[in-house]
Amino acid sequence: MRIFSLMIAALTVLSACETTEGLGRDVEALGAGIEQEAQDAQSGQ
């Protein structure tokens, strides 16, 4: 039972890391889009 609990804990940590990494990529892409819009607004486009 203890090994099973450790396996579940390890899988939970790994899935959380993947989710966080994916969220980081999404936030980075959103930031790039906002930055581009800001540059376009400053240049009058």
PDB file of N, CA and C in Angstrom:
ATOM      1  N   MET A   1       0.822  -1.193   0.000  1.00  0.00           N
ATOM      2  CA  MET A   1       0.000   0.000   0.000  1.00  0.00           C
ATOM      3  C   MET A   1       0.870   1.263   0.000  1.00  0.00           C
ATOM      4  N   ARG A   2       1.996   1.209   0.683  1.00  0.00           N
ATOM      5  CA  ARG A   2       2.872   2.379   0.745  1.00  0.00           C
ATOM      6  C   ARG A   2       3.479   2.681  -0.625  1.00  0.00           C
ATOM      7  N   ILE A   3       3.857   1.650  -1.364  1.00  0.00           N
ATOM      8  CA  ILE A   3       4.423   1.852  -2.698  1.00  0.00           C
ATOM      9  C   ILE A   3       3.380   2.473  -3.617  1.00  0.00           C
ATOM     10  N   PHE A   4       2.150   1.996  -3.503  1.00  0.00           N
ATOM     11  CA  PHE A   4       1.061   2.555  -4.309  1.00  0.00           C
ATOM     12  C   PHE A   4       0.874   4.040  -4.008  1.00  0.00           C
ATOM     13  N   SER A   5       0.910   4.403  -2.751  1.00  0.00           N
ATOM     14  CA  SER A   5       0.757   5.803  -2.354  1.00  0.00           C
ATOM     15  C   SER A   5       1.894   6.657  -2.896  1.00  0.00           C
ATOM     16  N   LEU A   6       3.105   6.124  -2.865  1.00  0.00           N
ATOM     17  CA  LEU A   6       4.250   6.856  -3.400  1.00  0.00           C
ATOM     18  C   LEU A   6       4.141   7.029  -4.909  1.00  0.00           C
ATOM     19  N   MET A   7       3.652   6.008  -5.594  1.00  0.00           N
ATOM     20  CA  MET A   7       3.467   6.100  -7.045  1.00  0.00           C
ATOM     21  C   MET A   7       2.422   7.161  -7.381  1.00  0.00           C
ATOM     22  N   ILE A   8       1.330   7.189  -6.640  1.00  0.00           N
ATOM     23  CA  ILE A   8       0.292   8.197  -6.874  1.00  0.00           C
ATOM     24  C   ILE A   8       0.853   9.600  -6.618  1.00  0.00           C
ATOM     25  N   ALA A   9       1.617   9.757  -5.560  1.00  0.00           N
ATOM     26  CA  ALA A   9       2.210  11.058  -5.245  1.00  0.00           C
ATOM     27  C   ALA A   9       3.169  11.490  -6.359  1.00  0.00           C
ATOM     28  N   ALA A  10       3.981  10.572  -6.856  1.00  0.00           N
ATOM     29  CA  ALA A  10       4.928  10.896  -7.928  1.00  0.00           C
ATOM     30  C   ALA A  10       4.192  11.304  -9.198  1.00  0.00           C
ATOM     31  N   LEU A  11       3.136  10.590  -9.541  1.00  0.00           N
ATOM     32  CA  LEU A  11       2.364  10.934 -10.734  1.00  0.00           C
ATOM     33  C   LEU A  11       1.691  12.298 -10.582  1.00  0.00           C
ATOM     34  N   THR A  12       1.231  12.593  -9.403  1.00  0.00           N
ATOM     35  CA  THR A  12       0.600  13.889  -9.157  1.00  0.00           C
ATOM     36  C   THR A  12       1.607  15.020  -9.338  1.00  0.00           C
ATOM     37  N   VAL A  13       2.803  14.844  -8.799  1.00  0.00           N
ATOM     38  CA  VAL A  13       3.844  15.871  -8.931  1.00  0.00           C
ATOM     39  C   VAL A  13       4.232  16.051 -10.394  1.00  0.00           C
ATOM     40  N   LEU A  14       4.400  14.956 -11.114  1.00  0.00           N
ATOM     41  CA  LEU A  14       4.780  15.058 -12.523  1.00  0.00           C
ATOM     42  C   LEU A  14       3.695  15.732 -13.350  1.00  0.00           C
ATOM     43  N   SER A  15       2.448  15.396 -13.110  1.00  0.00           N
ATOM     44  CA  SER A  15       1.370  16.023 -13.879  1.00  0.00           C
ATOM     45  C   SER A  15       1.256  17.502 -13.532  1.00  0.00           C
ATOM     46  N   ALA A  16       1.502  17.867 -12.298  1.00  0.00           N
ATOM     47  CA  ALA A  16       1.470  19.272 -11.910  1.00  0.00           C
ATOM     48  C   ALA A  16       2.578  20.044 -12.617  1.00  0.00           C
ATOM     49  N   CYS A  17       3.741  19.433 -12.758  1.00  0.00           N
ATOM     50  CA  CYS A  17       4.848  20.088 -13.464  1.00  0.00           C
ATOM     51  C   CYS A  17       4.493  20.324 -14.921  1.00  0.00           C
ATOM     52  N   GLU A  18       3.899  19.335 -15.565  1.00  0.00           N
ATOM     53  CA  GLU A  18       3.506  19.475 -16.963  1.00  0.00           C
ATOM     54  C   GLU A  18       2.450  20.560 -17.117  1.00  0.00           C
ATOM     55  N   THR A  19       1.509  20.606 -16.202  1.00  0.00           N
ATOM     56  CA  THR A  19       0.459  21.625 -16.264  1.00  0.00           C
ATOM     57  C   THR A  19       1.052  23.009 -16.076  1.00  0.00           C
ATOM     58  N   THR A  20       1.961  23.137 -15.146  1.00  0.00           N
ATOM     59  CA  THR A  20       2.604  24.429 -14.892  1.00  0.00           C
ATOM     60  C   THR A  20       3.430  24.867 -16.091  1.00  0.00           C
ATOM     61  N   GLU A  21       4.117  23.924 -16.707  1.00  0.00           N
ATOM     62  CA  GLU A  21       4.923  24.258 -17.886  1.00  0.00           C
ATOM     63  C   GLU A  21       4.028  24.726 -19.029  1.00  0.00           C
ATOM     64  N   GLY A  22       2.924  24.034 -19.232  1.00  0.00           N
ATOM     65  CA  GLY A  22       1.986  24.438 -20.279  1.00  0.00           C
ATOM     66  C   GLY A  22       1.394  25.808 -20.004  1.00  0.00           C
ATOM     67  N   LEU A  23       1.057  26.063 -18.754  1.00  0.00           N
ATOM     68  CA  LEU A  23       0.525  27.370 -18.374  1.00  0.00           C
ATOM     69  C   LEU A  23       1.565  28.452 -18.613  1.00  0.00           C
ATOM     70  N   GLY A  24       2.816  28.146 -18.309  1.00  0.00           N
ATOM     71  CA  GLY A  24       3.893  29.109 -18.533  1.00  0.00           C
ATOM     72  C   GLY A  24       4.025  29.475 -20.002  1.00  0.00           C
ATOM     73  N   ARG A  25       3.910  28.486 -20.871  1.00  0.00           N
ATOM     74  CA  ARG A  25       3.978  28.760 -22.313  1.00  0.00           C
ATOM     75  C   ARG A  25       2.799  29.617 -22.760  1.00  0.00           C
ATOM     76  N   ASP A  26       1.607  29.334 -22.234  1.00  0.00           N
ATOM     77  CA  ASP A  26       0.428  30.115 -22.595  1.00  0.00           C
ATOM     78  C   ASP A  26       0.562  31.561 -22.136  1.00  0.00           C
ATOM     79  N   VAL A  27       1.050  31.764 -20.921  1.00  0.00           N
ATOM     80  CA  VAL A  27       1.229  33.119 -20.393  1.00  0.00           C
ATOM     81  C   VAL A  27       2.296  33.852 -21.196  1.00  0.00           C
ATOM     82  N   GLU A  28       3.351  33.148 -21.574  1.00  0.00           N
ATOM     83  CA  GLU A  28       4.408  33.764 -22.376  1.00  0.00           C
ATOM     84  C   GLU A  28       3.869  34.213 -23.734  1.00  0.00           C
ATOM     85  N   ALA A  29       3.059  33.368 -24.372  1.00  0.00           N
ATOM     86  CA  ALA A  29       2.470  33.724 -25.663  1.00  0.00           C
ATOM     87  C   ALA A  29       1.520  34.911 -25.518  1.00  0.00           C
ATOM     88  N   LEU A  30       0.746  34.933 -24.451  1.00  0.00           N
ATOM     89  CA  LEU A  30      -0.158  36.051 -24.204  1.00  0.00           C
ATOM     90  C   LEU A  30       0.634  37.338 -24.013  1.00  0.00           C
ATOM     91  N   GLY A  31       1.713  37.267 -23.257  1.00  0.00           N
ATOM     92  CA  GLY A  31       2.564  38.440 -23.044  1.00  0.00           C
ATOM     93  C   GLY A  31       3.169  38.944 -24.345  1.00  0.00           C
ATOM     94  N   ALA A  32       3.574  38.033 -25.218  1.00  0.00           N
ATOM     95  CA  ALA A  32       4.140  38.432 -26.508  1.00  0.00           C
ATOM     96  C   ALA A  32       3.086  39.139 -27.355  1.00  0.00           C
ATOM     97  N   GLY A  33       1.859  38.643 -27.315  1.00  0.00           N
ATOM     98  CA  GLY A  33       0.776  39.283 -28.057  1.00  0.00           C
ATOM     99  C   GLY A  33       0.479  40.680 -27.538  1.00  0.00           C
ATOM    100  N   ILE A  34       0.464  40.828 -26.229  1.00  0.00           N
ATOM    101  CA  ILE A  34       0.220  42.145 -25.621  1.00  0.00           C
ATOM    102  C   ILE A  34       1.355  43.106 -25.961  1.00  0.00           C
ATOM    103  N   GLU A  35       2.573  42.594 -25.913  1.00  0.00           N
ATOM    104  CA  GLU A  35       3.730  43.431 -26.243  1.00  0.00           C
ATOM    105  C   GLU A  35       3.653  43.899 -27.693  1.00  0.00           C
ATOM    106  N   GLN A  36       3.264  43.032 -28.594  1.00  0.00           N
ATOM    107  CA  GLN A  36       3.151  43.401 -30.009  1.00  0.00           C
ATOM    108  C   GLN A  36       2.066  44.455 -30.206  1.00  0.00           C
ATOM    109  N   GLU A  37       0.935  44.280 -29.534  1.00  0.00           N
ATOM    110  CA  GLU A  37      -0.148  45.271 -29.629  1.00  0.00           C
ATOM    111  C   GLU A  37       0.304  46.623 -29.092  1.00  0.00           C
ATOM    112  N   ALA A  38       1.061  46.619 -28.005  1.00  0.00           N
ATOM    113  CA  ALA A  38       1.558  47.871 -27.432  1.00  0.00           C
ATOM    114  C   ALA A  38       2.525  48.568 -28.405  1.00  0.00           C
ATOM    115  N   GLN A  39       3.381  47.791 -29.036  1.00  0.00           N
ATOM    116  CA  GLN A  39       4.318  48.369 -30.004  1.00  0.00           C
ATOM    117  C   GLN A  39       3.570  48.937 -31.198  1.00  0.00           C
ATOM    118  N   ASP A  40       2.538  48.216 -31.654  1.00  0.00           N
ATOM    119  CA  ASP A  40       1.731  48.716 -32.778  1.00  0.00           C
ATOM    120  C   ASP A  40       1.018  50.013 -32.398  1.00  0.00           C
ATOM    121  N   ALA A  41       0.516  50.094 -31.177  1.00  0.00           N
ATOM    122  CA  ALA A  41      -0.182  51.300 -30.737  1.00  0.00           C
ATOM    123  C   ALA A  41       0.782  52.483 -30.637  1.00  0.00           C
ATOM    124  N   GLN A  42       1.991  52.229 -30.192  1.00  0.00           N
ATOM    125  CA  GLN A  42       2.965  53.309 -30.069  1.00  0.00           C
ATOM    126  C   GLN A  42       3.424  53.817 -31.424  1.00  0.00           C
ATOM    127  N   SER A  43       3.507  52.915 -32.397  1.00  0.00           N
ATOM    128  CA  SER A  43       3.966  53.325 -33.722  1.00  0.00           C
ATOM    129  C   SER A  43       2.833  53.852 -34.580  1.00  0.00           C
ATOM    130  N   GLY A  44       1.609  53.817 -34.076  1.00  0.00           N
ATOM    131  CA  GLY A  44       0.472  54.399 -34.803  1.00  0.00           C
ATOM    132  C   GLY A  44      -0.129  53.469 -35.835  1.00  0.00           C
ATOM    133  N   GLN A  45       0.085  52.204 -35.727  1.00  0.00           N
ATOM    134  CA  GLN A  45      -0.472  51.268 -36.718  1.00  0.00           C
ATOM    135  C   GLN A  45      -1.845  50.834 -36.346  1.00  0.00           C
TER     136      GLN A  45
END
